[in-house]
Amino acid sequence: MITFAEHIRRIQPVIDEMNSIHWKGRREKFRTDHQDEIDLYYTSQRILKEKHGVKKIDIPGWKKEQATLRQEEAIRTAQYDSLREKLNQMLNVKRCIDEVKYEERKKQQIKQKDQPQLE
């Protein structure tokens, strides 16, 4: 959103100049010369209004919100990493327990095979 808003702010003087030209020929020539900028302006405007519902451009407010969200993301990432490390430790313990259980079952099966069966 910030990028689109910056496009609009940067290209606004070109749009104002185009709108101040009232002669059709000069206006069309100006439009042709600045077609890429004009298209970018209207595309950015449409995206902000239609997709994001923006009525007023507030770049400083958005940048402040973006910084806040990035800080929250860093905190949550740190929490996630900590939990992930604990999970890995628990999974290692579980794996060790499973290996011990498997070995005990294996020993018990061998022990049962070695005992003579009474009939």
PDB file of N, CA and C in Angstrom:
ATOM      1  N   MET A   1       0.822  -1.187   0.000  1.00  0.00           N
ATOM      2  CA  MET A   1       0.000   0.000   0.000  1.00  0.00           C
ATOM      3  C   MET A   1       0.869   1.256   0.000  1.00  0.00           C
ATOM      4  N   ILE A   2       1.938   1.179   0.785  1.00  0.00           N
ATOM      5  CA  ILE A   2       2.809   2.353   0.873  1.00  0.00           C
ATOM      6  C   ILE A   2       3.429   2.664  -0.484  1.00  0.00           C
ATOM      7  N   THR A   3       3.831   1.618  -1.187  1.00  0.00           N
ATOM      8  CA  THR A   3       4.440   1.813  -2.508  1.00  0.00           C
ATOM      9  C   THR A   3       3.464   2.476  -3.468  1.00  0.00           C
ATOM     10  N   PHE A   4       2.215   2.001  -3.473  1.00  0.00           N
ATOM     11  CA  PHE A   4       1.214   2.589  -4.367  1.00  0.00           C
ATOM     12  C   PHE A   4       0.950   4.046  -4.007  1.00  0.00           C
ATOM     13  N   ALA A   5       0.889   4.319  -2.711  1.00  0.00           N
ATOM     14  CA  ALA A   5       0.666   5.699  -2.266  1.00  0.00           C
ATOM     15  C   ALA A   5       1.834   6.599  -2.670  1.00  0.00           C
ATOM     16  N   GLU A   6       3.045   6.064  -2.569  1.00  0.00           N
ATOM     17  CA  GLU A   6       4.209   6.856  -2.983  1.00  0.00           C
ATOM     18  C   GLU A   6       4.200   7.118  -4.488  1.00  0.00           C
ATOM     19  N   HIS A   7       3.738   6.139  -5.269  1.00  0.00           N
ATOM     20  CA  HIS A   7       3.590   6.365  -6.715  1.00  0.00           C
ATOM     21  C   HIS A   7       2.625   7.517  -6.982  1.00  0.00           C
ATOM     22  N   ILE A   8       1.511   7.492  -6.286  1.00  0.00           N
ATOM     23  CA  ILE A   8       0.503   8.539  -6.481  1.00  0.00           C
ATOM     24  C   ILE A   8       1.076   9.904  -6.112  1.00  0.00           C
ATOM     25  N   ARG A   9       1.727   9.996  -4.970  1.00  0.00           N
ATOM     26  CA  ARG A   9       2.306  11.276  -4.548  1.00  0.00           C
ATOM     27  C   ARG A   9       3.377  11.761  -5.527  1.00  0.00           C
ATOM     28  N   ARG A  10       4.190  10.836  -6.018  1.00  0.00           N
ATOM     29  CA  ARG A  10       5.285  11.211  -6.922  1.00  0.00           C
ATOM     30  C   ARG A  10       4.756  11.659  -8.285  1.00  0.00           C
ATOM     31  N   ILE A  11       3.690  11.034  -8.773  1.00  0.00           N
ATOM     32  CA  ILE A  11       3.194  11.299 -10.125  1.00  0.00           C
ATOM     33  C   ILE A  11       2.096  12.373 -10.136  1.00  0.00           C
ATOM     34  N   GLN A  12       1.584  12.765  -8.983  1.00  0.00           N
ATOM     35  CA  GLN A  12       0.500  13.748  -8.910  1.00  0.00           C
ATOM     36  C   GLN A  12       0.789  15.028  -9.691  1.00  0.00           C
ATOM     37  N   PRO A  13       2.007  15.600  -9.649  1.00  0.00           N
ATOM     38  CA  PRO A  13       2.260  16.814 -10.436  1.00  0.00           C
ATOM     39  C   PRO A  13       2.084  16.595 -11.947  1.00  0.00           C
ATOM     40  N   VAL A  14       2.426  15.422 -12.425  1.00  0.00           N
ATOM     41  CA  VAL A  14       2.245  15.108 -13.855  1.00  0.00           C
ATOM     42  C   VAL A  14       0.752  15.087 -14.192  1.00  0.00           C
ATOM     43  N   ILE A  15      -0.033  14.473 -13.315  1.00  0.00           N
ATOM     44  CA  ILE A  15      -1.489  14.414 -13.530  1.00  0.00           C
ATOM     45  C   ILE A  15      -2.078  15.823 -13.482  1.00  0.00           C
ATOM     46  N   ASP A  16      -1.644  16.626 -12.516  1.00  0.00           N
ATOM     47  CA  ASP A  16      -2.127  18.005 -12.417  1.00  0.00           C
ATOM     48  C   ASP A  16      -1.793  18.799 -13.673  1.00  0.00           C
ATOM     49  N   GLU A  17      -0.578  18.604 -14.167  1.00  0.00           N
ATOM     50  CA  GLU A  17      -0.180  19.311 -15.386  1.00  0.00           C
ATOM     51  C   GLU A  17      -1.021  18.858 -16.572  1.00  0.00           C
ATOM     52  N   MET A  18      -1.283  17.548 -16.682  1.00  0.00           N
ATOM     53  CA  MET A  18      -2.114  17.041 -17.767  1.00  0.00           C
ATOM     54  C   MET A  18      -3.536  17.623 -17.675  1.00  0.00           C
ATOM     55  N   ASN A  19      -4.066  17.686 -16.467  1.00  0.00           N
ATOM     56  CA  ASN A  19      -5.422  18.203 -16.293  1.00  0.00           C
ATOM     57  C   ASN A  19      -5.513  19.706 -16.547  1.00  0.00           C
ATOM     58  N   SER A  20      -4.395  20.395 -16.448  1.00  0.00           N
ATOM     59  CA  SER A  20      -4.411  21.840 -16.708  1.00  0.00           C
ATOM     60  C   SER A  20      -4.352  22.160 -18.208  1.00  0.00           C
ATOM     61  N   ILE A  21      -4.028  21.188 -19.031  1.00  0.00           N
ATOM     62  CA  ILE A  21      -3.969  21.390 -20.481  1.00  0.00           C
ATOM     63  C   ILE A  21      -5.377  21.179 -21.037  1.00  0.00           C
ATOM     64  N   HIS A  22      -5.916  22.217 -21.673  1.00  0.00           N
ATOM     65  CA  HIS A  22      -7.296  22.138 -22.160  1.00  0.00           C
ATOM     66  C   HIS A  22      -7.371  21.909 -23.666  1.00  0.00           C
ATOM     67  N   TRP A  23      -6.299  22.077 -24.378  1.00  0.00           N
ATOM     68  CA  TRP A  23      -6.324  21.862 -25.815  1.00  0.00           C
ATOM     69  C   TRP A  23      -6.112  20.387 -26.084  1.00  0.00           C
ATOM     70  N   LYS A  24      -6.979  19.823 -26.838  1.00  0.00           N
ATOM     71  CA  LYS A  24      -7.005  18.379 -27.059  1.00  0.00           C
ATOM     72  C   LYS A  24      -5.684  17.858 -27.632  1.00  0.00           C
ATOM     73  N   GLY A  25      -5.134  18.516 -28.632  1.00  0.00           N
ATOM     74  CA  GLY A  25      -3.898  18.063 -29.274  1.00  0.00           C
ATOM     75  C   GLY A  25      -2.721  18.066 -28.313  1.00  0.00           C
ATOM     76  N   ARG A  26      -2.552  19.158 -27.591  1.00  0.00           N
ATOM     77  CA  ARG A  26      -1.446  19.255 -26.631  1.00  0.00           C
ATOM     78  C   ARG A  26      -1.631  18.242 -25.491  1.00  0.00           C
ATOM     79  N   ARG A  27      -2.885  18.078 -25.077  1.00  0.00           N
ATOM     80  CA  ARG A  27      -3.180  17.138 -23.994  1.00  0.00           C
ATOM     81  C   ARG A  27      -2.834  15.698 -24.411  1.00  0.00           C
ATOM     82  N   GLU A  28      -3.228  15.327 -25.626  1.00  0.00           N
ATOM     83  CA  GLU A  28      -2.938  13.982 -26.131  1.00  0.00           C
ATOM     84  C   GLU A  28      -1.429  13.765 -26.275  1.00  0.00           C
ATOM     85  N   LYS A  29      -0.708  14.777 -26.758  1.00  0.00           N
ATOM     86  CA  LYS A  29       0.745  14.663 -26.887  1.00  0.00           C
ATOM     87  C   LYS A  29       1.384  14.492 -25.504  1.00  0.00           C
ATOM     88  N   PHE A  30       0.924  15.277 -24.533  1.00  0.00           N
ATOM     89  CA  PHE A  30       1.442  15.178 -23.174  1.00  0.00           C
ATOM     90  C   PHE A  30       1.158  13.780 -22.610  1.00  0.00           C
ATOM     91  N   ARG A  31      -0.065  13.313 -22.847  1.00  0.00           N
ATOM     92  CA  ARG A  31      -0.463  11.986 -22.363  1.00  0.00           C
ATOM     93  C   ARG A  31       0.398  10.895 -22.994  1.00  0.00           C
ATOM     94  N   THR A  32       0.680  11.008 -24.266  1.00  0.00           N
ATOM     95  CA  THR A  32       1.525  10.041 -24.957  1.00  0.00           C
ATOM     96  C   THR A  32       2.947  10.062 -24.393  1.00  0.00           C
ATOM     97  N   ASP A  33       3.466  11.257 -24.143  1.00  0.00           N
ATOM     98  CA  ASP A  33       4.827  11.389 -23.621  1.00  0.00           C
ATOM     99  C   ASP A  33       4.966  10.814 -22.206  1.00  0.00           C
ATOM    100  N   HIS A  34       3.916  10.858 -21.418  1.00  0.00           N
ATOM    101  CA  HIS A  34       3.963  10.424 -20.014  1.00  0.00           C
ATOM    102  C   HIS A  34       3.045   9.223 -19.748  1.00  0.00           C
ATOM    103  N   GLN A  35       2.824   8.411 -20.775  1.00  0.00           N
ATOM    104  CA  GLN A  35       1.851   7.312 -20.676  1.00  0.00           C
ATOM    105  C   GLN A  35       2.167   6.342 -19.528  1.00  0.00           C
ATOM    106  N   ASP A  36       3.423   5.950 -19.378  1.00  0.00           N
ATOM    107  CA  ASP A  36       3.774   4.987 -18.321  1.00  0.00           C
ATOM    108  C   ASP A  36       3.485   5.539 -16.925  1.00  0.00           C
ATOM    109  N   GLU A  37       3.842   6.785 -16.708  1.00  0.00           N
ATOM    110  CA  GLU A  37       3.598   7.389 -15.395  1.00  0.00           C
ATOM    111  C   GLU A  37       2.103   7.512 -15.123  1.00  0.00           C
ATOM    112  N   ILE A  38       1.349   7.928 -16.130  1.00  0.00           N
ATOM    113  CA  ILE A  38      -0.102   8.100 -15.971  1.00  0.00           C
ATOM    114  C   ILE A  38      -0.770   6.764 -15.692  1.00  0.00           C
ATOM    115  N   ASP A  39      -0.361   5.723 -16.425  1.00  0.00           N
ATOM    116  CA  ASP A  39      -0.930   4.392 -16.188  1.00  0.00           C
ATOM    117  C   ASP A  39      -0.615   3.904 -14.779  1.00  0.00           C
ATOM    118  N   LEU A  40       0.615   4.122 -14.339  1.00  0.00           N
ATOM    119  CA  LEU A  40       1.013   3.714 -12.994  1.00  0.00           C
ATOM    120  C   LEU A  40       0.204   4.461 -11.931  1.00  0.00           C
ATOM    121  N   TYR A  41      -0.041   5.735 -12.167  1.00  0.00           N
ATOM    122  CA  TYR A  41      -0.831   6.547 -11.239  1.00  0.00           C
ATOM    123  C   TYR A  41      -2.246   5.973 -11.096  1.00  0.00           C
ATOM    124  N   TYR A  42      -2.922   5.773 -12.226  1.00  0.00           N
ATOM    125  CA  TYR A  42      -4.301   5.289 -12.164  1.00  0.00           C
ATOM    126  C   TYR A  42      -4.389   3.849 -11.662  1.00  0.00           C
ATOM    127  N   THR A  43      -3.415   3.038 -11.985  1.00  0.00           N
ATOM    128  CA  THR A  43      -3.399   1.670 -11.467  1.00  0.00           C
ATOM    129  C   THR A  43      -3.224   1.684  -9.955  1.00  0.00           C
ATOM    130  N   SER A  44      -2.284   2.476  -9.471  1.00  0.00           N
ATOM    131  CA  SER A  44      -2.058   2.580  -8.027  1.00  0.00           C
ATOM    132  C   SER A  44      -3.299   3.100  -7.313  1.00  0.00           C
ATOM    133  N   GLN A  45      -3.921   4.081  -7.906  1.00  0.00           N
ATOM    134  CA  GLN A  45      -5.138   4.669  -7.328  1.00  0.00           C
ATOM    135  C   GLN A  45      -6.253   3.620  -7.252  1.00  0.00           C
ATOM    136  N   ARG A  46      -6.427   2.867  -8.338  1.00  0.00           N
ATOM    137  CA  ARG A  46      -7.475   1.851  -8.382  1.00  0.00           C
ATOM    138  C   ARG A  46      -7.209   0.756  -7.342  1.00  0.00           C
ATOM    139  N   ILE A  47      -5.974   0.320  -7.231  1.00  0.00           N
ATOM    140  CA  ILE A  47      -5.640  -0.726  -6.261  1.00  0.00           C
ATOM    141  C   ILE A  47      -5.911  -0.254  -4.838  1.00  0.00           C
ATOM    142  N   LEU A  48      -5.505   0.961  -4.527  1.00  0.00           N
ATOM    143  CA  LEU A  48      -5.733   1.471  -3.172  1.00  0.00           C
ATOM    144  C   LEU A  48      -7.221   1.613  -2.862  1.00  0.00           C
ATOM    145  N   LYS A  49      -7.983   2.106  -3.825  1.00  0.00           N
ATOM    146  CA  LYS A  49      -9.403   2.337  -3.559  1.00  0.00           C
ATOM    147  C   LYS A  49     -10.219   1.051  -3.597  1.00  0.00           C
ATOM    148  N   GLU A  50     -10.033   0.236  -4.638  1.00  0.00           N
ATOM    149  CA  GLU A  50     -10.879  -0.940  -4.803  1.00  0.00           C
ATOM    150  C   GLU A  50     -10.466  -2.118  -3.933  1.00  0.00           C
ATOM    151  N   LYS A  51      -9.190  -2.408  -3.887  1.00  0.00           N
ATOM    152  CA  LYS A  51      -8.748  -3.599  -3.159  1.00  0.00           C
ATOM    153  C   LYS A  51      -8.535  -3.349  -1.681  1.00  0.00           C
ATOM    154  N   HIS A  52      -8.127  -2.138  -1.319  1.00  0.00           N
ATOM    155  CA  HIS A  52      -7.823  -1.857   0.082  1.00  0.00           C
ATOM    156  C   HIS A  52      -8.795  -0.878   0.731  1.00  0.00           C
ATOM    157  N   GLY A  53      -9.697  -0.310  -0.033  1.00  0.00           N
ATOM    158  CA  GLY A  53     -10.699   0.595   0.516  1.00  0.00           C
ATOM    159  C   GLY A  53     -10.129   1.878   1.089  1.00  0.00           C
ATOM    160  N   VAL A  54      -9.003   2.322   0.558  1.00  0.00           N
ATOM    161  CA  VAL A  54      -8.349   3.524   1.064  1.00  0.00           C
ATOM    162  C   VAL A  54      -9.025   4.760   0.494  1.00  0.00           C
ATOM    163  N   LYS A  55      -9.411   5.669   1.367  1.00  0.00           N
ATOM    164  CA  LYS A  55     -10.012   6.916   0.911  1.00  0.00           C
ATOM    165  C   LYS A  55      -9.027   8.068   1.039  1.00  0.00           C
ATOM    166  N   LYS A  56      -8.154   7.980   2.047  1.00  0.00           N
ATOM    167  CA  LYS A  56      -7.171   9.033   2.266  1.00  0.00           C
ATOM    168  C   LYS A  56      -5.793   8.394   2.403  1.00  0.00           C
ATOM    169  N   ILE A  57      -4.834   8.954   1.715  1.00  0.00           N
ATOM    170  CA  ILE A  57      -3.473   8.437   1.769  1.00  0.00           C
ATOM    171  C   ILE A  57      -2.785   8.998   3.011  1.00  0.00           C
ATOM    172  N   ASP A  58      -2.282   8.082   3.851  1.00  0.00           N
ATOM    173  CA  ASP A  58      -1.613   8.464   5.093  1.00  0.00           C
ATOM    174  C   ASP A  58      -0.305   7.678   5.202  1.00  0.00           C
ATOM    175  N   ILE A  59       0.681   8.058   4.415  1.00  0.00           N
ATOM    176  CA  ILE A  59       1.946   7.327   4.362  1.00  0.00           C
ATOM    177  C   ILE A  59       2.637   7.286   5.723  1.00  0.00           C
ATOM    178  N   PRO A  60       2.770   8.403   6.441  1.00  0.00           N
ATOM    179  CA  PRO A  60       3.432   8.324   7.756  1.00  0.00           C
ATOM    180  C   PRO A  60       2.711   7.378   8.730  1.00  0.00           C
ATOM    181  N   GLY A  61       1.401   7.420   8.728  1.00  0.00           N
ATOM    182  CA  GLY A  61       0.626   6.525   9.596  1.00  0.00           C
ATOM    183  C   GLY A  61       0.824   5.065   9.208  1.00  0.00           C
ATOM    184  N   TRP A  62       0.847   4.808   7.910  1.00  0.00           N
ATOM    185  CA  TRP A  62       1.056   3.438   7.429  1.00  0.00           C
ATOM    186  C   TRP A  62       2.456   2.951   7.768  1.00  0.00           C
ATOM    187  N   LYS A  63       3.449   3.829   7.649  1.00  0.00           N
ATOM    188  CA  LYS A  63       4.820   3.435   7.972  1.00  0.00           C
ATOM    189  C   LYS A  63       4.946   3.132   9.461  1.00  0.00           C
ATOM    190  N   LYS A  64       4.265   3.924  10.294  1.00  0.00           N
ATOM    191  CA  LYS A  64       4.279   3.687  11.735  1.00  0.00           C
ATOM    192  C   LYS A  64       3.626   2.334  12.047  1.00  0.00           C
ATOM    193  N   GLU A  65       2.492   2.075  11.409  1.00  0.00           N
ATOM    194  CA  GLU A  65       1.803   0.798  11.603  1.00  0.00           C
ATOM    195  C   GLU A  65       2.670  -0.361  11.117  1.00  0.00           C
ATOM    196  N   GLN A  66       3.337  -0.160   9.995  1.00  0.00           N
ATOM    197  CA  GLN A  66       4.218  -1.194   9.448  1.00  0.00           C
ATOM    198  C   GLN A  66       5.361  -1.504  10.425  1.00  0.00           C
ATOM    199  N   ALA A  67       5.942  -0.469  11.014  1.00  0.00           N
ATOM    200  CA  ALA A  67       7.025  -0.671  11.987  1.00  0.00           C
ATOM    201  C   ALA A  67       6.512  -1.436  13.205  1.00  0.00           C
ATOM    202  N   THR A  68       5.328  -1.079  13.674  1.00  0.00           N
ATOM    203  CA  THR A  68       4.725  -1.776  14.813  1.00  0.00           C
ATOM    204  C   THR A  68       4.499  -3.243  14.488  1.00  0.00           C
ATOM    205  N   LEU A  69       3.960  -3.501  13.303  1.00  0.00           N
ATOM    206  CA  LEU A  69       3.698  -4.883  12.896  1.00  0.00           C
ATOM    207  C   LEU A  69       4.997  -5.675  12.752  1.00  0.00           C
ATOM    208  N   ARG A  70       6.036  -5.039  12.272  1.00  0.00           N
ATOM    209  CA  ARG A  70       7.324  -5.729  12.143  1.00  0.00           C
ATOM    210  C   ARG A  70       7.894  -6.069  13.517  1.00  0.00           C
ATOM    211  N   GLN A  71       7.722  -5.167  14.492  1.00  0.00           N
ATOM    212  CA  GLN A  71       8.182  -5.456  15.854  1.00  0.00           C
ATOM    213  C   GLN A  71       7.414  -6.634  16.441  1.00  0.00           C
ATOM    214  N   GLU A  72       6.090  -6.625  16.243  1.00  0.00           N
ATOM    215  CA  GLU A  72       5.263  -7.731  16.729  1.00  0.00           C
ATOM    216  C   GLU A  72       5.671  -9.040  16.064  1.00  0.00           C
ATOM    217  N   GLU A  73       5.967  -8.961  14.777  1.00  0.00           N
ATOM    218  CA  GLU A  73       6.388 -10.163  14.050  1.00  0.00           C
ATOM    219  C   GLU A  73       7.706 -10.695  14.616  1.00  0.00           C
ATOM    220  N   ALA A  74       8.640  -9.807  14.934  1.00  0.00           N
ATOM    221  CA  ALA A  74       9.922 -10.232  15.503  1.00  0.00           C
ATOM    222  C   ALA A  74       9.713 -10.911  16.857  1.00  0.00           C
ATOM    223  N   ILE A  75       8.824 -10.349  17.671  1.00  0.00           N
ATOM    224  CA  ILE A  75       8.532 -10.947  18.979  1.00  0.00           C
ATOM    225  C   ILE A  75       7.913 -12.323  18.802  1.00  0.00           C
ATOM    226  N   ARG A  76       6.936 -12.418  17.913  1.00  0.00           N
ATOM    227  CA  ARG A  76       6.262 -13.698  17.683  1.00  0.00           C
ATOM    228  C   ARG A  76       7.220 -14.729  17.077  1.00  0.00           C
ATOM    229  N   THR A  77       8.116 -14.281  16.227  1.00  0.00           N
ATOM    230  CA  THR A  77       9.103 -15.189  15.640  1.00  0.00           C
ATOM    231  C   THR A  77      10.021 -15.741  16.732  1.00  0.00           C
ATOM    232  N   ALA A  78      10.426 -14.883  17.640  1.00  0.00           N
ATOM    233  CA  ALA A  78      11.271 -15.335  18.753  1.00  0.00           C
ATOM    234  C   ALA A  78      10.517 -16.349  19.622  1.00  0.00           C
ATOM    235  N   GLN A  79       9.242 -16.080  19.887  1.00  0.00           N
ATOM    236  CA  GLN A  79       8.433 -17.010  20.667  1.00  0.00           C
ATOM    237  C   GLN A  79       8.289 -18.339  19.925  1.00  0.00           C
ATOM    238  N   TYR A  80       8.052 -18.248  18.638  1.00  0.00           N
ATOM    239  CA  TYR A  80       7.902 -19.449  17.821  1.00  0.00           C
ATOM    240  C   TYR A  80       9.184 -20.271  17.846  1.00  0.00           C
ATOM    241  N   ASP A  81      10.335 -19.601  17.682  1.00  0.00           N
ATOM    242  CA  ASP A  81      11.615 -20.309  17.687  1.00  0.00           C
ATOM    243  C   ASP A  81      11.850 -21.014  19.019  1.00  0.00           C
ATOM    244  N   SER A  82      11.504 -20.343  20.107  1.00  0.00           N
ATOM    245  CA  SER A  82      11.655 -20.934  21.432  1.00  0.00           C
ATOM    246  C   SER A  82      10.768 -22.176  21.568  1.00  0.00           C
ATOM    247  N   LEU A  83       9.516 -22.051  21.168  1.00  0.00           N
ATOM    248  CA  LEU A  83       8.591 -23.191  21.237  1.00  0.00           C
ATOM    249  C   LEU A  83       9.036 -24.317  20.321  1.00  0.00           C
ATOM    250  N   ARG A  84       9.539 -23.966  19.173  1.00  0.00           N
ATOM    251  CA  ARG A  84      10.001 -24.973  18.215  1.00  0.00           C
ATOM    252  C   ARG A  84      11.184 -25.756  18.797  1.00  0.00           C
ATOM    253  N   GLU A  85      12.081 -25.059  19.478  1.00  0.00           N
ATOM    254  CA  GLU A  85      13.225 -25.712  20.113  1.00  0.00           C
ATOM    255  C   GLU A  85      12.752 -26.675  21.203  1.00  0.00           C
ATOM    256  N   LYS A  86      11.785 -26.231  22.013  1.00  0.00           N
ATOM    257  CA  LYS A  86      11.239 -27.109  23.059  1.00  0.00           C
ATOM    258  C   LYS A  86      10.569 -28.332  22.440  1.00  0.00           C
ATOM    259  N   LEU A  87       9.838 -28.114  21.360  1.00  0.00           N
ATOM    260  CA  LEU A  87       9.181 -29.228  20.672  1.00  0.00           C
ATOM    261  C   LEU A  87      10.213 -30.223  20.160  1.00  0.00           C
ATOM    262  N   ASN A  88      11.291 -29.730  19.575  1.00  0.00           N
ATOM    263  CA  ASN A  88      12.335 -30.625  19.073  1.00  0.00           C
ATOM    264  C   ASN A  88      12.950 -31.443  20.206  1.00  0.00           C
ATOM    265  N   GLN A  89      13.156 -30.807  21.350  1.00  0.00           N
ATOM    266  CA  GLN A  89      13.687 -31.539  22.501  1.00  0.00           C
ATOM    267  C   GLN A  89      12.716 -32.637  22.940  1.00  0.00           C
ATOM    268  N   MET A  90      11.431 -32.301  22.999  1.00  0.00           N
ATOM    269  CA  MET A  90      10.424 -33.289  23.392  1.00  0.00           C
ATOM    270  C   MET A  90      10.343 -34.427  22.386  1.00  0.00           C
ATOM    271  N   LEU A  91      10.447 -34.102  21.116  1.00  0.00           N
ATOM    272  CA  LEU A  91      10.413 -35.149  20.093  1.00  0.00           C
ATOM    273  C   LEU A  91      11.632 -36.059  20.198  1.00  0.00           C
ATOM    274  N   ASN A  92      12.776 -35.497  20.551  1.00  0.00           N
ATOM    275  CA  ASN A  92      13.972 -36.324  20.754  1.00  0.00           C
ATOM    276  C   ASN A  92      13.790 -37.267  21.943  1.00  0.00           C
ATOM    277  N   VAL A  93      13.204 -36.759  23.021  1.00  0.00           N
ATOM    278  CA  VAL A  93      12.935 -37.602  24.186  1.00  0.00           C
ATOM    279  C   VAL A  93      11.964 -38.709  23.792  1.00  0.00           C
ATOM    280  N   LYS A  94      10.917 -38.365  23.070  1.00  0.00           N
ATOM    281  CA  LYS A  94       9.927 -39.350  22.624  1.00  0.00           C
ATOM    282  C   LYS A  94      10.588 -40.417  21.754  1.00  0.00           C
ATOM    283  N   ARG A  95      11.467 -39.996  20.871  1.00  0.00           N
ATOM    284  CA  ARG A  95      12.162 -40.940  19.996  1.00  0.00           C
ATOM    285  C   ARG A  95      13.014 -41.904  20.819  1.00  0.00           C
ATOM    286  N   CYS A  96      13.702 -41.377  21.798  1.00  0.00           N
ATOM    287  CA  CYS A  96      14.516 -42.235  22.672  1.00  0.00           C
ATOM    288  C   CYS A  96      13.648 -43.234  23.432  1.00  0.00           C
ATOM    289  N   ILE A  97      12.525 -42.776  23.950  1.00  0.00           N
ATOM    290  CA  ILE A  97      11.601 -43.660  24.665  1.00  0.00           C
ATOM    291  C   ILE A  97      11.073 -44.735  23.728  1.00  0.00           C
ATOM    292  N   ASP A  98      10.708 -44.343  22.512  1.00  0.00           N
ATOM    293  CA  ASP A  98      10.224 -45.315  21.530  1.00  0.00           C
ATOM    294  C   ASP A  98      11.288 -46.357  21.195  1.00  0.00           C
ATOM    295  N   GLU A  99      12.542 -45.926  21.114  1.00  0.00           N
ATOM    296  CA  GLU A  99      13.625 -46.865  20.822  1.00  0.00           C
ATOM    297  C   GLU A  99      13.796 -47.861  21.966  1.00  0.00           C
ATOM    298  N   VAL A 100      13.725 -47.364  23.196  1.00  0.00           N
ATOM    299  CA  VAL A 100      13.850 -48.246  24.358  1.00  0.00           C
ATOM    300  C   VAL A 100      12.693 -49.228  24.390  1.00  0.00           C
ATOM    301  N   LYS A 101      11.481 -48.767  24.159  1.00  0.00           N
ATOM    302  CA  LYS A 101      10.308 -49.653  24.136  1.00  0.00           C
ATOM    303  C   LYS A 101      10.450 -50.716  23.054  1.00  0.00           C
ATOM    304  N   TYR A 102      10.929 -50.295  21.906  1.00  0.00           N
ATOM    305  CA  TYR A 102      11.109 -51.232  20.790  1.00  0.00           C
ATOM    306  C   TYR A 102      12.122 -52.319  21.162  1.00  0.00           C
ATOM    307  N   GLU A 103      13.232 -51.908  21.764  1.00  0.00           N
ATOM    308  CA  GLU A 103      14.257 -52.872  22.172  1.00  0.00           C
ATOM    309  C   GLU A 103      13.713 -53.831  23.234  1.00  0.00           C
ATOM    310  N   GLU A 104      12.935 -53.319  24.175  1.00  0.00           N
ATOM    311  CA  GLU A 104      12.358 -54.178  25.207  1.00  0.00           C
ATOM    312  C   GLU A 104      11.375 -55.174  24.607  1.00  0.00           C
ATOM    313  N   ARG A 105      10.559 -54.733  23.681  1.00  0.00           N
ATOM    314  CA  ARG A 105       9.625 -55.660  23.007  1.00  0.00           C
ATOM    315  C   ARG A 105      10.400 -56.729  22.244  1.00  0.00           C
ATOM    316  N   LYS A 106      11.454 -56.316  21.610  1.00  0.00           N
ATOM    317  CA  LYS A 106      12.275 -57.242  20.839  1.00  0.00           C
ATOM    318  C   LYS A 106      12.893 -58.296  21.768  1.00  0.00           C
ATOM    319  N   LYS A 107      13.428 -57.876  22.907  1.00  0.00           N
ATOM    320  CA  LYS A 107      14.010 -58.799  23.882  1.00  0.00           C
ATOM    321  C   LYS A 107      12.957 -59.763  24.416  1.00  0.00           C
ATOM    322  N   GLN A 108      11.770 -59.222  24.679  1.00  0.00           N
ATOM    323  CA  GLN A 108      10.699 -60.058  25.215  1.00  0.00           C
ATOM    324  C   GLN A 108      10.255 -61.101  24.186  1.00  0.00           C
ATOM    325  N   GLN A 109      10.210 -60.738  22.924  1.00  0.00           N
ATOM    326  CA  GLN A 109       9.838 -61.693  21.882  1.00  0.00           C
ATOM    327  C   GLN A 109      10.882 -62.801  21.770  1.00  0.00           C
ATOM    328  N   ILE A 110      12.160 -62.430  21.863  1.00  0.00           N
ATOM    329  CA  ILE A 110      13.235 -63.427  21.789  1.00  0.00           C
ATOM    330  C   ILE A 110      13.159 -64.353  23.009  1.00  0.00           C
ATOM    331  N   LYS A 111      12.876 -63.766  24.154  1.00  0.00           N
ATOM    332  CA  LYS A 111      12.759 -64.540  25.379  1.00  0.00           C
ATOM    333  C   LYS A 111      11.610 -65.536  25.278  1.00  0.00           C
ATOM    334  N   GLN A 112      10.498 -65.115  24.696  1.00  0.00           N
ATOM    335  CA  GLN A 112       9.346 -66.001  24.545  1.00  0.00           C
ATOM    336  C   GLN A 112       9.647 -67.126  23.557  1.00  0.00           C
ATOM    337  N   LYS A 113      10.410 -66.868  22.539  1.00  0.00           N
ATOM    338  CA  LYS A 113      10.773 -67.890  21.558  1.00  0.00           C
ATOM    339  C   LYS A 113      11.701 -68.920  22.182  1.00  0.00           C
ATOM    340  N   ASP A 114      12.587 -68.483  23.035  1.00  0.00           N
ATOM    341  CA  ASP A 114      13.565 -69.388  23.655  1.00  0.00           C
ATOM    342  C   ASP A 114      12.942 -70.303  24.702  1.00  0.00           C
ATOM    343  N   GLN A 115      11.876 -69.897  25.324  1.00  0.00           N
ATOM    344  CA  GLN A 115      11.220 -70.744  26.328  1.00  0.00           C
ATOM    345  C   GLN A 115      10.494 -71.882  25.624  1.00  0.00           C
ATOM    346  N   PRO A 116      10.654 -73.087  26.150  1.00  0.00           N
ATOM    347  CA  PRO A 116       9.914 -74.209  25.530  1.00  0.00           C
ATOM    348  C   PRO A 116       8.422 -74.055  25.817  1.00  0.00           C
ATOM    349  N   GLN A 117       7.659 -74.395  24.834  1.00  0.00           N
ATOM    350  CA  GLN A 117       6.217 -74.269  24.986  1.00  0.00           C
ATOM    351  C   GLN A 117       5.671 -75.531  25.656  1.00  0.00           C
ATOM    352  N   LEU A 118       4.857 -75.345  26.635  1.00  0.00           N
ATOM    353  CA  LEU A 118       4.248 -76.466  27.330  1.00  0.00           C
ATOM    354  C   LEU A 118       2.910 -76.771  26.700  1.00  0.00           C
ATOM    355  N   GLU A 119       2.744 -78.054  26.376  1.00  0.00           N
ATOM    356  CA  GLU A 119       1.467 -78.462  25.784  1.00  0.00           C
ATOM    357  C   GLU A 119       0.827 -79.529  26.551  1.00  0.00           C
TER     358      GLU A 119
END
